[in-house]
Amino acid sequence: MFEFAWPWMFLLLPLPALVWWLIPARKNTRSAIRLPNLYGLSSEQQTIKNHWFFLTVLAIAWVSLVSATARPQWLGEPVATRSEGREMMLAVDLSGSMEIADMEINGQSVDRLSMVKHVLSDFITRREGDRLGLILFGDTAYLQAPMTYDRQTIAQMLNESVLGLVGERTAIGDAIALAVKRFQQDEETNRVLILLTDGQSTAGNLTPEQALELAKSYDVTIYPIAVGAEEVVVDSFFGQRRVNPSRDLDIPLMQKLARETGGEYFRARSTEELENIYTLLDELEPVDDDPQKLRPRVSLFHWPLSLCFIALIALALSRYKPWRLSQ
């Protein structure tokens, strides 16, 4: 959309006429010598023609100058911006136990990581306007994607992750500490860590308790999600029997992380439960429903200003007649 930022500047348009009317014209008392006109026009006709040309070009220059002063600009489509910063770090466990196929997607048995990718991708898509980051952890924790508004990149990085990429064990403390370190770079944000794991901390440079103290010091809210079914049927030499594939899950630790940081602990025993958890997370950490609107502005003042300069140059050239010098 085209508009003028300062449209009141057009009130200056009649200023030359007002000055012309208020200041009396100076009388010319010098005598003039009439010379024959070689071009077929009388001197009076030539004077009138030059006078109207002068006024027309001068009017174009003045209107162009006033138009440039009024700041013409082009407004782009509105872009939503958030009134407050929100950062959400996703920490995903890639330890060896995530390959246990105790989950289902559309009736097909899949491993835990595949189920997490399937559900988490939809959650990432819904977090429009939030800055998201991705941490993958196993024997230690690695920052796979820094904080960014590019949700598509975060989803792609998650889908490209593979089991065993960072080791077979589980470094929960390192994952929390790395998230806290990234949050330190921005002061005024809502710092949220979503921790997805299916076991207990068995590796890392920091214990979960040490990392918890760091998270509390920097106001990081942790939402632990324990992934894994509680009962599956397996075939053995003595027939089928039921086992608990999540027997190593450290539920007391998960609950402590949530309780002491103001978050909430979740248990995802199936794909449907994980989907419900992410829906609940949308309610606990809602996307801002009242974003500020920003319209990109492209300034166009240089176009009428250029026209003004061209008109003034044309006017100057019309007053300069080099053939007079040769006479």
C-alpha atoms as a PDB file:
ATOM      1  CA  MET A   1       0.000   0.000   0.000  1.00  0.00           C
ATOM      2  CA  PHE A   2       1.283   3.454  -0.962  1.00  0.00           C
ATOM      3  CA  GLU A   3       1.001   6.377   1.440  1.00  0.00           C
ATOM      4  CA  PHE A   4       2.628   9.637   2.544  1.00  0.00           C
ATOM      5  CA  ALA A   5       4.017   9.641   6.097  1.00  0.00           C
ATOM      6  CA  TRP A   6       3.688  13.448   6.378  1.00  0.00           C
ATOM      7  CA  PRO A   7       0.746  14.389   4.119  1.00  0.00           C
ATOM      8  CA  TRP A   8       0.356  17.774   5.836  1.00  0.00           C
ATOM      9  CA  MET A   9       3.493  18.912   3.995  1.00  0.00           C
ATOM     10  CA  PHE A  10       1.290  19.404   0.906  1.00  0.00           C
ATOM     11  CA  LEU A  11      -0.047  22.530   2.647  1.00  0.00           C
ATOM     12  CA  LEU A  12       3.168  24.154   1.403  1.00  0.00           C
ATOM     13  CA  LEU A  13       2.116  23.814  -2.244  1.00  0.00           C
ATOM     14  CA  PRO A  14       0.462  27.297  -2.491  1.00  0.00           C
ATOM     15  CA  LEU A  15       3.443  28.979  -0.784  1.00  0.00           C
ATOM     16  CA  PRO A  16       5.088  30.309  -4.023  1.00  0.00           C
ATOM     17  CA  ALA A  17       1.785  31.832  -5.175  1.00  0.00           C
ATOM     18  CA  LEU A  18       1.329  33.431  -1.750  1.00  0.00           C
ATOM     19  CA  VAL A  19       4.837  34.914  -1.867  1.00  0.00           C
ATOM     20  CA  TRP A  20       4.213  36.168  -5.422  1.00  0.00           C
ATOM     21  CA  TRP A  21       1.008  37.875  -4.298  1.00  0.00           C
ATOM     22  CA  LEU A  22       2.443  39.480  -1.150  1.00  0.00           C
ATOM     23  CA  ILE A  23       5.683  40.806  -2.652  1.00  0.00           C
ATOM     24  CA  PRO A  24       5.039  43.580  -5.224  1.00  0.00           C
ATOM     25  CA  ALA A  25       6.612  43.141  -8.631  1.00  0.00           C
ATOM     26  CA  ARG A  26       9.700  45.250  -9.316  1.00  0.00           C
ATOM     27  CA  LYS A  27       9.267  47.764 -12.126  1.00  0.00           C
ATOM     28  CA  ASN A  28      11.904  47.700 -14.877  1.00  0.00           C
ATOM     29  CA  THR A  29      12.955  51.337 -15.610  1.00  0.00           C
ATOM     30  CA  ARG A  30      15.661  50.452 -18.108  1.00  0.00           C
ATOM     31  CA  SER A  31      15.056  51.119 -21.791  1.00  0.00           C
ATOM     32  CA  ALA A  32      14.974  48.124 -24.068  1.00  0.00           C
ATOM     33  CA  ILE A  33      16.237  47.825 -27.622  1.00  0.00           C
ATOM     34  CA  ARG A  34      14.005  45.860 -29.940  1.00  0.00           C
ATOM     35  CA  LEU A  35      15.830  43.578 -32.363  1.00  0.00           C
ATOM     36  CA  PRO A  36      14.365  41.790 -35.358  1.00  0.00           C
ATOM     37  CA  ASN A  37      13.266  38.250 -34.706  1.00  0.00           C
ATOM     38  CA  LEU A  38      14.886  35.783 -37.096  1.00  0.00           C
ATOM     39  CA  TYR A  39      12.641  32.891 -36.031  1.00  0.00           C
ATOM     40  CA  GLY A  40       9.302  34.332 -37.093  1.00  0.00           C
ATOM     41  CA  LEU A  41       8.043  35.183 -33.597  1.00  0.00           C
ATOM     42  CA  SER A  42       7.701  38.602 -32.135  1.00  0.00           C
ATOM     43  CA  SER A  43       9.711  39.388 -29.043  1.00  0.00           C
ATOM     44  CA  GLU A  44       6.485  39.553 -27.019  1.00  0.00           C
ATOM     45  CA  GLN A  45       5.470  36.059 -28.204  1.00  0.00           C
ATOM     46  CA  GLN A  46       8.924  34.688 -27.465  1.00  0.00           C
ATOM     47  CA  THR A  47       8.846  36.225 -23.979  1.00  0.00           C
ATOM     48  CA  ILE A  48       5.411  34.729 -23.225  1.00  0.00           C
ATOM     49  CA  LYS A  49       6.541  31.313 -24.447  1.00  0.00           C
ATOM     50  CA  ASN A  50       9.683  31.380 -22.290  1.00  0.00           C
ATOM     51  CA  HIS A  51       7.659  32.649 -19.336  1.00  0.00           C
ATOM     52  CA  TRP A  52       5.199  29.742 -19.410  1.00  0.00           C
ATOM     53  CA  PHE A  53       7.999  27.212 -19.896  1.00  0.00           C
ATOM     54  CA  PHE A  54       9.813  28.689 -16.898  1.00  0.00           C
ATOM     55  CA  LEU A  55       6.681  28.577 -14.709  1.00  0.00           C
ATOM     56  CA  THR A  56       5.791  25.006 -15.759  1.00  0.00           C
ATOM     57  CA  VAL A  57       9.223  23.576 -15.042  1.00  0.00           C
ATOM     58  CA  LEU A  58       9.476  25.532 -11.793  1.00  0.00           C
ATOM     59  CA  ALA A  59       6.039  24.226 -10.715  1.00  0.00           C
ATOM     60  CA  ILE A  60       7.123  20.637 -11.452  1.00  0.00           C
ATOM     61  CA  ALA A  61      10.261  21.127  -9.370  1.00  0.00           C
ATOM     62  CA  TRP A  62       8.305  22.621  -6.457  1.00  0.00           C
ATOM     63  CA  VAL A  63       5.604  19.916  -6.444  1.00  0.00           C
ATOM     64  CA  SER A  64       8.301  17.217  -6.612  1.00  0.00           C
ATOM     65  CA  LEU A  65      10.204  18.804  -3.730  1.00  0.00           C
ATOM     66  CA  VAL A  66       7.080  19.015  -1.546  1.00  0.00           C
ATOM     67  CA  SER A  67       6.173  15.401  -2.437  1.00  0.00           C
ATOM     68  CA  ALA A  68       9.627  14.220  -1.363  1.00  0.00           C
ATOM     69  CA  THR A  69       9.280  16.171   1.904  1.00  0.00           C
ATOM     70  CA  ALA A  70       5.937  14.422   2.551  1.00  0.00           C
ATOM     71  CA  ARG A  71       7.891  11.124   2.748  1.00  0.00           C
ATOM     72  CA  PRO A  72       6.207   8.794   0.255  1.00  0.00           C
ATOM     73  CA  GLN A  73       6.558   5.148   1.209  1.00  0.00           C
ATOM     74  CA  TRP A  74       5.326   1.679   0.337  1.00  0.00           C
ATOM     75  CA  LEU A  75       3.868  -0.443   3.156  1.00  0.00           C
ATOM     76  CA  GLY A  76       4.269  -4.215   2.857  1.00  0.00           C
ATOM     77  CA  GLU A  77       2.019  -6.923   4.260  1.00  0.00           C
ATOM     78  CA  PRO A  78       1.704  -6.976   8.096  1.00  0.00           C
ATOM     79  CA  VAL A  79       4.219  -9.225   9.854  1.00  0.00           C
ATOM     80  CA  ALA A  80       3.437 -10.550  13.340  1.00  0.00           C
ATOM     81  CA  THR A  81       5.971  -9.821  16.075  1.00  0.00           C
ATOM     82  CA  ARG A  82       5.811 -10.947  19.671  1.00  0.00           C
ATOM     83  CA  SER A  83       5.406  -8.488  22.510  1.00  0.00           C
ATOM     84  CA  GLU A  84       7.594 -10.616  24.769  1.00  0.00           C
ATOM     85  CA  GLY A  85      10.440 -12.999  24.118  1.00  0.00           C
ATOM     86  CA  ARG A  86       9.791 -16.728  24.418  1.00  0.00           C
ATOM     87  CA  GLU A  87      12.461 -19.375  24.076  1.00  0.00           C
ATOM     88  CA  MET A  88      11.821 -23.099  24.144  1.00  0.00           C
ATOM     89  CA  MET A  89      14.616 -25.654  24.058  1.00  0.00           C
ATOM     90  CA  LEU A  90      13.853 -29.247  23.084  1.00  0.00           C
ATOM     91  CA  ALA A  91      16.219 -31.872  24.530  1.00  0.00           C
ATOM     92  CA  VAL A  92      15.780 -35.330  22.966  1.00  0.00           C
ATOM     93  CA  ASP A  93      17.346 -38.530  24.288  1.00  0.00           C
ATOM     94  CA  LEU A  94      19.227 -40.570  21.631  1.00  0.00           C
ATOM     95  CA  SER A  95      20.505 -43.301  23.957  1.00  0.00           C
ATOM     96  CA  GLY A  96      20.350 -46.954  23.004  1.00  0.00           C
ATOM     97  CA  SER A  97      17.114 -47.619  24.909  1.00  0.00           C
ATOM     98  CA  MET A  98      15.215 -45.274  22.558  1.00  0.00           C
ATOM     99  CA  GLU A  99      15.317 -48.039  19.929  1.00  0.00           C
ATOM    100  CA  ILE A 100      12.875 -50.197  21.914  1.00  0.00           C
ATOM    101  CA  ALA A 101       9.840 -50.730  19.660  1.00  0.00           C
ATOM    102  CA  ASP A 102       7.064 -50.401  22.217  1.00  0.00           C
ATOM    103  CA  MET A 103       5.146 -47.580  20.483  1.00  0.00           C
ATOM    104  CA  GLU A 104       2.585 -47.525  17.682  1.00  0.00           C
ATOM    105  CA  ILE A 105       1.839 -45.083  14.860  1.00  0.00           C
ATOM    106  CA  ASN A 106      -1.278 -45.804  12.802  1.00  0.00           C
ATOM    107  CA  GLY A 107      -1.331 -49.401  14.041  1.00  0.00           C
ATOM    108  CA  GLN A 108       2.320 -50.107  13.205  1.00  0.00           C
ATOM    109  CA  SER A 109       4.927 -50.864  15.845  1.00  0.00           C
ATOM    110  CA  VAL A 110       7.751 -48.292  15.922  1.00  0.00           C
ATOM    111  CA  ASP A 111      10.631 -47.424  18.225  1.00  0.00           C
ATOM    112  CA  ARG A 112      10.433 -44.634  20.762  1.00  0.00           C
ATOM    113  CA  LEU A 113      12.514 -42.149  18.774  1.00  0.00           C
ATOM    114  CA  SER A 114      10.317 -42.527  15.681  1.00  0.00           C
ATOM    115  CA  MET A 115       7.240 -41.843  17.778  1.00  0.00           C
ATOM    116  CA  VAL A 116       8.875 -38.767  19.342  1.00  0.00           C
ATOM    117  CA  LYS A 117       9.794 -37.426  15.887  1.00  0.00           C
ATOM    118  CA  HIS A 118       6.263 -38.015  14.623  1.00  0.00           C
ATOM    119  CA  VAL A 119       4.519 -36.158  17.441  1.00  0.00           C
ATOM    120  CA  LEU A 120       7.133 -33.500  18.135  1.00  0.00           C
ATOM    121  CA  SER A 121       7.167 -32.313  14.508  1.00  0.00           C
ATOM    122  CA  ASP A 122       3.520 -31.271  14.805  1.00  0.00           C
ATOM    123  CA  PHE A 123       4.240 -29.494  18.096  1.00  0.00           C
ATOM    124  CA  ILE A 124       7.113 -27.556  16.474  1.00  0.00           C
ATOM    125  CA  THR A 125       4.828 -26.443  13.650  1.00  0.00           C
ATOM    126  CA  ARG A 126       2.325 -24.979  16.109  1.00  0.00           C
ATOM    127  CA  ARG A 127       4.891 -22.850  17.973  1.00  0.00           C
ATOM    128  CA  GLU A 128       4.634 -19.944  15.534  1.00  0.00           C
ATOM    129  CA  GLY A 129       6.466 -16.850  16.783  1.00  0.00           C
ATOM    130  CA  ASP A 130       8.567 -18.704  19.381  1.00  0.00           C
ATOM    131  CA  ARG A 131      12.292 -19.235  19.211  1.00  0.00           C
ATOM    132  CA  LEU A 132      13.078 -22.938  19.335  1.00  0.00           C
ATOM    133  CA  GLY A 133      16.332 -24.825  19.825  1.00  0.00           C
ATOM    134  CA  LEU A 134      17.273 -28.502  19.706  1.00  0.00           C
ATOM    135  CA  ILE A 135      19.648 -30.473  21.962  1.00  0.00           C
ATOM    136  CA  LEU A 136      20.477 -34.135  21.351  1.00  0.00           C
ATOM    137  CA  PHE A 137      22.029 -36.077  24.196  1.00  0.00           C
ATOM    138  CA  GLY A 138      23.473 -39.520  24.850  1.00  0.00           C
ATOM    139  CA  ASP A 139      26.917 -39.967  26.407  1.00  0.00           C
ATOM    140  CA  THR A 140      26.989 -36.154  26.454  1.00  0.00           C
ATOM    141  CA  ALA A 141      24.841 -33.326  25.098  1.00  0.00           C
ATOM    142  CA  TYR A 142      25.224 -31.486  21.802  1.00  0.00           C
ATOM    143  CA  LEU A 143      23.501 -28.382  20.481  1.00  0.00           C
ATOM    144  CA  GLN A 144      22.021 -29.542  17.199  1.00  0.00           C
ATOM    145  CA  ALA A 145      20.223 -26.269  16.396  1.00  0.00           C
ATOM    146  CA  PRO A 146      20.591 -22.912  18.211  1.00  0.00           C
ATOM    147  CA  MET A 147      17.640 -20.725  19.114  1.00  0.00           C
ATOM    148  CA  THR A 148      15.861 -19.683  15.943  1.00  0.00           C
ATOM    149  CA  TYR A 149      12.450 -18.694  14.548  1.00  0.00           C
ATOM    150  CA  ASP A 150      13.022 -21.133  11.681  1.00  0.00           C
ATOM    151  CA  ARG A 151      10.747 -23.953  12.818  1.00  0.00           C
ATOM    152  CA  GLN A 152      11.246 -25.855   9.574  1.00  0.00           C
ATOM    153  CA  THR A 153      14.967 -26.180  10.250  1.00  0.00           C
ATOM    154  CA  ILE A 154      14.327 -27.421  13.792  1.00  0.00           C
ATOM    155  CA  ALA A 155      11.932 -30.091  12.503  1.00  0.00           C
ATOM    156  CA  GLN A 156      14.404 -31.130   9.817  1.00  0.00           C
ATOM    157  CA  MET A 157      17.264 -31.425  12.311  1.00  0.00           C
ATOM    158  CA  LEU A 158      15.087 -33.591  14.545  1.00  0.00           C
ATOM    159  CA  ASN A 159      14.017 -35.875  11.699  1.00  0.00           C
ATOM    160  CA  GLU A 160      17.658 -36.330  10.612  1.00  0.00           C
ATOM    161  CA  SER A 161      18.787 -37.475  14.078  1.00  0.00           C
ATOM    162  CA  VAL A 162      19.603 -41.175  14.466  1.00  0.00           C
ATOM    163  CA  LEU A 163      19.965 -43.501  17.413  1.00  0.00           C
ATOM    164  CA  GLY A 164      23.472 -43.810  18.834  1.00  0.00           C
ATOM    165  CA  LEU A 165      24.576 -40.537  17.239  1.00  0.00           C
ATOM    166  CA  VAL A 166      25.921 -39.252  20.566  1.00  0.00           C
ATOM    167  CA  GLY A 167      26.475 -42.548  22.383  1.00  0.00           C
ATOM    168  CA  GLU A 168      24.479 -45.274  24.081  1.00  0.00           C
ATOM    169  CA  ARG A 169      24.148 -43.825  27.601  1.00  0.00           C
ATOM    170  CA  THR A 170      22.069 -40.941  28.995  1.00  0.00           C
ATOM    171  CA  ALA A 171      23.558 -37.612  30.124  1.00  0.00           C
ATOM    172  CA  ILE A 172      20.522 -35.803  31.522  1.00  0.00           C
ATOM    173  CA  GLY A 173      22.611 -33.379  33.590  1.00  0.00           C
ATOM    174  CA  ASP A 174      24.662 -32.270  30.574  1.00  0.00           C
ATOM    175  CA  ALA A 175      21.488 -31.679  28.534  1.00  0.00           C
ATOM    176  CA  ILE A 176      19.994 -29.417  31.218  1.00  0.00           C
ATOM    177  CA  ALA A 177      23.269 -27.521  31.722  1.00  0.00           C
ATOM    178  CA  LEU A 178      23.685 -26.932  27.981  1.00  0.00           C
ATOM    179  CA  ALA A 179      20.143 -25.573  27.750  1.00  0.00           C
ATOM    180  CA  VAL A 180      20.793 -23.190  30.664  1.00  0.00           C
ATOM    181  CA  LYS A 181      23.981 -21.978  28.976  1.00  0.00           C
ATOM    182  CA  ARG A 182      22.085 -21.108  25.793  1.00  0.00           C
ATOM    183  CA  PHE A 183      19.371 -19.304  27.751  1.00  0.00           C
ATOM    184  CA  GLN A 184      21.973 -17.056  29.418  1.00  0.00           C
ATOM    185  CA  GLN A 185      22.551 -15.238  26.123  1.00  0.00           C
ATOM    186  CA  ASP A 186      19.078 -13.623  26.227  1.00  0.00           C
ATOM    187  CA  GLU A 187      17.895 -11.971  29.418  1.00  0.00           C
ATOM    188  CA  GLU A 188      14.197 -11.105  29.002  1.00  0.00           C
ATOM    189  CA  THR A 189      12.667 -14.352  27.766  1.00  0.00           C
ATOM    190  CA  ASN A 190      10.395 -17.145  28.945  1.00  0.00           C
ATOM    191  CA  ARG A 191      12.922 -19.957  29.336  1.00  0.00           C
ATOM    192  CA  VAL A 192      11.357 -23.372  28.831  1.00  0.00           C
ATOM    193  CA  LEU A 193      13.122 -26.714  28.526  1.00  0.00           C
ATOM    194  CA  ILE A 194      11.203 -29.757  27.302  1.00  0.00           C
ATOM    195  CA  LEU A 195      13.228 -32.838  28.279  1.00  0.00           C
ATOM    196  CA  LEU A 196      12.328 -36.125  26.560  1.00  0.00           C
ATOM    197  CA  THR A 197      14.019 -39.232  27.934  1.00  0.00           C
ATOM    198  CA  ASP A 198      13.264 -42.895  28.594  1.00  0.00           C
ATOM    199  CA  GLY A 199      15.812 -43.774  31.236  1.00  0.00           C
ATOM    200  CA  GLN A 200      17.983 -42.602  34.089  1.00  0.00           C
ATOM    201  CA  SER A 201      21.124 -40.497  34.078  1.00  0.00           C
ATOM    202  CA  THR A 202      24.117 -42.793  33.476  1.00  0.00           C
ATOM    203  CA  ALA A 203      26.691 -40.437  31.943  1.00  0.00           C
ATOM    204  CA  GLY A 204      27.777 -36.824  31.649  1.00  0.00           C
ATOM    205  CA  ASN A 205      30.060 -34.294  33.318  1.00  0.00           C
ATOM    206  CA  LEU A 206      27.324 -32.934  35.586  1.00  0.00           C
ATOM    207  CA  THR A 207      24.822 -34.794  37.703  1.00  0.00           C
ATOM    208  CA  PRO A 208      21.124 -33.949  37.242  1.00  0.00           C
ATOM    209  CA  GLU A 209      21.113 -32.422  40.728  1.00  0.00           C
ATOM    210  CA  GLN A 210      23.952 -30.025  39.825  1.00  0.00           C
ATOM    211  CA  ALA A 211      22.247 -29.082  36.584  1.00  0.00           C
ATOM    212  CA  LEU A 212      18.990 -28.534  38.472  1.00  0.00           C
ATOM    213  CA  GLU A 213      20.666 -25.890  40.652  1.00  0.00           C
ATOM    214  CA  LEU A 214      21.833 -24.088  37.509  1.00  0.00           C
ATOM    215  CA  ALA A 215      18.332 -24.184  36.048  1.00  0.00           C
ATOM    216  CA  LYS A 216      16.854 -22.738  39.236  1.00  0.00           C
ATOM    217  CA  SER A 217      19.473 -19.973  39.310  1.00  0.00           C
ATOM    218  CA  TYR A 218      18.545 -18.822  35.798  1.00  0.00           C
ATOM    219  CA  ASP A 219      14.763 -19.317  36.088  1.00  0.00           C
ATOM    220  CA  VAL A 220      14.560 -22.138  33.556  1.00  0.00           C
ATOM    221  CA  THR A 221      11.281 -24.072  33.639  1.00  0.00           C
ATOM    222  CA  ILE A 222      11.702 -27.794  32.944  1.00  0.00           C
ATOM    223  CA  TYR A 223       8.940 -30.041  31.581  1.00  0.00           C
ATOM    224  CA  PRO A 224      10.291 -33.625  31.757  1.00  0.00           C
ATOM    225  CA  ILE A 225       8.521 -36.179  29.564  1.00  0.00           C
ATOM    226  CA  ALA A 226       9.211 -39.838  30.354  1.00  0.00           C
ATOM    227  CA  VAL A 227       8.754 -41.895  27.185  1.00  0.00           C
ATOM    228  CA  GLY A 228       8.099 -45.644  27.120  1.00  0.00           C
ATOM    229  CA  ALA A 229       5.406 -48.230  27.614  1.00  0.00           C
ATOM    230  CA  GLU A 230       5.013 -49.943  30.989  1.00  0.00           C
ATOM    231  CA  GLU A 231       4.102 -53.357  29.647  1.00  0.00           C
ATOM    232  CA  VAL A 232       4.806 -55.296  26.462  1.00  0.00           C
ATOM    233  CA  VAL A 233       4.363 -58.955  25.558  1.00  0.00           C
ATOM    234  CA  VAL A 234       7.496 -60.782  24.421  1.00  0.00           C
ATOM    235  CA  ASP A 235       8.071 -64.315  23.204  1.00  0.00           C
ATOM    236  CA  SER A 236      10.436 -66.539  25.184  1.00  0.00           C
ATOM    237  CA  PHE A 237      11.409 -70.200  25.401  1.00  0.00           C
ATOM    238  CA  PHE A 238       8.624 -70.761  27.897  1.00  0.00           C
ATOM    239  CA  GLY A 239       6.003 -68.893  25.861  1.00  0.00           C
ATOM    240  CA  GLN A 240       4.799 -65.317  25.993  1.00  0.00           C
ATOM    241  CA  ARG A 241       5.389 -63.185  29.037  1.00  0.00           C
ATOM    242  CA  ARG A 242       4.830 -59.565  30.003  1.00  0.00           C
ATOM    243  CA  VAL A 243       7.772 -57.292  30.779  1.00  0.00           C
ATOM    244  CA  ASN A 244       8.210 -53.660  31.743  1.00  0.00           C
ATOM    245  CA  PRO A 245      10.534 -51.982  29.180  1.00  0.00           C
ATOM    246  CA  SER A 246      10.614 -48.797  31.285  1.00  0.00           C
ATOM    247  CA  ARG A 247      11.896 -50.350  34.497  1.00  0.00           C
ATOM    248  CA  ASP A 248      15.057 -48.198  34.391  1.00  0.00           C
ATOM    249  CA  LEU A 249      13.103 -44.936  34.168  1.00  0.00           C
ATOM    250  CA  ASP A 250      14.036 -42.559  37.014  1.00  0.00           C
ATOM    251  CA  ILE A 251      10.572 -41.144  37.730  1.00  0.00           C
ATOM    252  CA  PRO A 252      11.507 -39.512  41.083  1.00  0.00           C
ATOM    253  CA  LEU A 253      14.224 -37.494  39.311  1.00  0.00           C
ATOM    254  CA  MET A 254      11.802 -36.356  36.603  1.00  0.00           C
ATOM    255  CA  GLN A 255       9.282 -35.260  39.180  1.00  0.00           C
ATOM    256  CA  LYS A 256      11.935 -33.368  41.126  1.00  0.00           C
ATOM    257  CA  LEU A 257      13.123 -31.493  38.042  1.00  0.00           C
ATOM    258  CA  ALA A 258       9.581 -30.355  37.312  1.00  0.00           C
ATOM    259  CA  ARG A 259       8.598 -29.526  40.881  1.00  0.00           C
ATOM    260  CA  GLU A 260      11.635 -27.380  41.736  1.00  0.00           C
ATOM    261  CA  THR A 261      11.622 -25.367  38.497  1.00  0.00           C
ATOM    262  CA  GLY A 262       7.891 -24.691  38.316  1.00  0.00           C
ATOM    263  CA  GLY A 263       7.257 -27.111  35.466  1.00  0.00           C
ATOM    264  CA  GLU A 264       5.240 -30.304  35.272  1.00  0.00           C
ATOM    265  CA  TYR A 265       6.155 -33.952  34.871  1.00  0.00           C
ATOM    266  CA  PHE A 266       4.492 -36.007  32.133  1.00  0.00           C
ATOM    267  CA  ARG A 267       4.376 -39.711  31.383  1.00  0.00           C
ATOM    268  CA  ALA A 268       4.047 -40.776  27.744  1.00  0.00           C
ATOM    269  CA  ARG A 269       3.216 -44.479  27.555  1.00  0.00           C
ATOM    270  CA  SER A 270       1.829 -44.269  24.033  1.00  0.00           C
ATOM    271  CA  THR A 271       1.626 -42.018  20.988  1.00  0.00           C
ATOM    272  CA  GLU A 272      -1.793 -40.742  22.055  1.00  0.00           C
ATOM    273  CA  GLU A 273      -0.515 -39.776  25.502  1.00  0.00           C
ATOM    274  CA  LEU A 274       2.419 -37.858  23.994  1.00  0.00           C
ATOM    275  CA  GLU A 275       0.050 -36.000  21.660  1.00  0.00           C
ATOM    276  CA  ASN A 276      -2.114 -35.044  24.639  1.00  0.00           C
ATOM    277  CA  ILE A 277       0.981 -33.876  26.519  1.00  0.00           C
ATOM    278  CA  TYR A 278       1.944 -31.484  23.742  1.00  0.00           C
ATOM    279  CA  THR A 279      -1.606 -30.160  23.621  1.00  0.00           C
ATOM    280  CA  LEU A 280      -1.382 -29.523  27.351  1.00  0.00           C
ATOM    281  CA  LEU A 281       1.990 -27.835  26.892  1.00  0.00           C
ATOM    282  CA  ASP A 282       0.343 -25.441  24.443  1.00  0.00           C
ATOM    283  CA  GLU A 283      -1.979 -24.478  27.278  1.00  0.00           C
ATOM    284  CA  LEU A 284       0.735 -24.216  29.931  1.00  0.00           C
ATOM    285  CA  GLU A 285       3.074 -22.246  27.654  1.00  0.00           C
ATOM    286  CA  PRO A 286       0.627 -20.660  25.199  1.00  0.00           C
ATOM    287  CA  VAL A 287       1.631 -18.923  22.012  1.00  0.00           C
ATOM    288  CA  ASP A 288       0.891 -15.204  22.277  1.00  0.00           C
ATOM    289  CA  ASP A 289      -2.622 -14.693  20.833  1.00  0.00           C
ATOM    290  CA  ASP A 290      -2.217 -10.918  20.577  1.00  0.00           C
ATOM    291  CA  PRO A 291       0.928 -10.353  18.537  1.00  0.00           C
ATOM    292  CA  GLN A 292       1.999  -6.881  17.493  1.00  0.00           C
ATOM    293  CA  LYS A 293       1.763  -6.152  13.798  1.00  0.00           C
ATOM    294  CA  LEU A 294       4.708  -4.641  11.943  1.00  0.00           C
ATOM    295  CA  ARG A 295       4.442  -3.487   8.334  1.00  0.00           C
ATOM    296  CA  PRO A 296       7.724  -3.275   6.403  1.00  0.00           C
ATOM    297  CA  ARG A 297       8.258   0.246   5.017  1.00  0.00           C
ATOM    298  CA  VAL A 298      10.156   1.107   1.840  1.00  0.00           C
ATOM    299  CA  SER A 299      10.977   4.797   1.507  1.00  0.00           C
ATOM    300  CA  LEU A 300      10.308   6.306  -1.948  1.00  0.00           C
ATOM    301  CA  PHE A 301      11.286   9.955  -1.386  1.00  0.00           C
ATOM    302  CA  HIS A 302      14.255   9.676  -3.775  1.00  0.00           C
ATOM    303  CA  TRP A 303      11.946   9.405  -6.804  1.00  0.00           C
ATOM    304  CA  PRO A 304      10.210  12.812  -6.507  1.00  0.00           C
ATOM    305  CA  LEU A 305      13.485  14.343  -5.306  1.00  0.00           C
ATOM    306  CA  SER A 306      15.240  13.091  -8.442  1.00  0.00           C
ATOM    307  CA  LEU A 307      12.448  14.589 -10.565  1.00  0.00           C
ATOM    308  CA  CYS A 308      12.974  17.914  -8.783  1.00  0.00           C
ATOM    309  CA  PHE A 309      16.695  17.913  -9.623  1.00  0.00           C
ATOM    310  CA  ILE A 310      15.994  16.997 -13.253  1.00  0.00           C
ATOM    311  CA  ALA A 311      13.518  19.876 -13.554  1.00  0.00           C
ATOM    312  CA  LEU A 312      16.009  22.348 -12.069  1.00  0.00           C
ATOM    313  CA  ILE A 313      18.764  21.136 -14.413  1.00  0.00           C
ATOM    314  CA  ALA A 314      16.424  21.504 -17.399  1.00  0.00           C
ATOM    315  CA  LEU A 315      15.546  24.989 -16.243  1.00  0.00           C
ATOM    316  CA  ALA A 316      19.222  25.947 -15.910  1.00  0.00           C
ATOM    317  CA  LEU A 317      20.047  24.572 -19.367  1.00  0.00           C
ATOM    318  CA  SER A 318      17.155  26.500 -20.910  1.00  0.00           C
ATOM    319  CA  ARG A 319      18.654  29.779 -19.638  1.00  0.00           C
ATOM    320  CA  TYR A 320      22.092  28.971 -21.017  1.00  0.00           C
ATOM    321  CA  LYS A 321      22.445  29.698 -24.759  1.00  0.00           C
ATOM    322  CA  PRO A 322      25.982  29.044 -25.956  1.00  0.00           C
ATOM    323  CA  TRP A 323      25.250  30.445 -29.405  1.00  0.00           C
ATOM    324  CA  ARG A 324      25.127  33.883 -27.872  1.00  0.00           C
ATOM    325  CA  LEU A 325      28.820  33.651 -27.045  1.00  0.00           C
ATOM    326  CA  SER A 326      29.729  33.047 -30.665  1.00  0.00           C
ATOM    327  CA  GLN A 327      27.978  36.172 -31.866  1.00  0.00           C
END
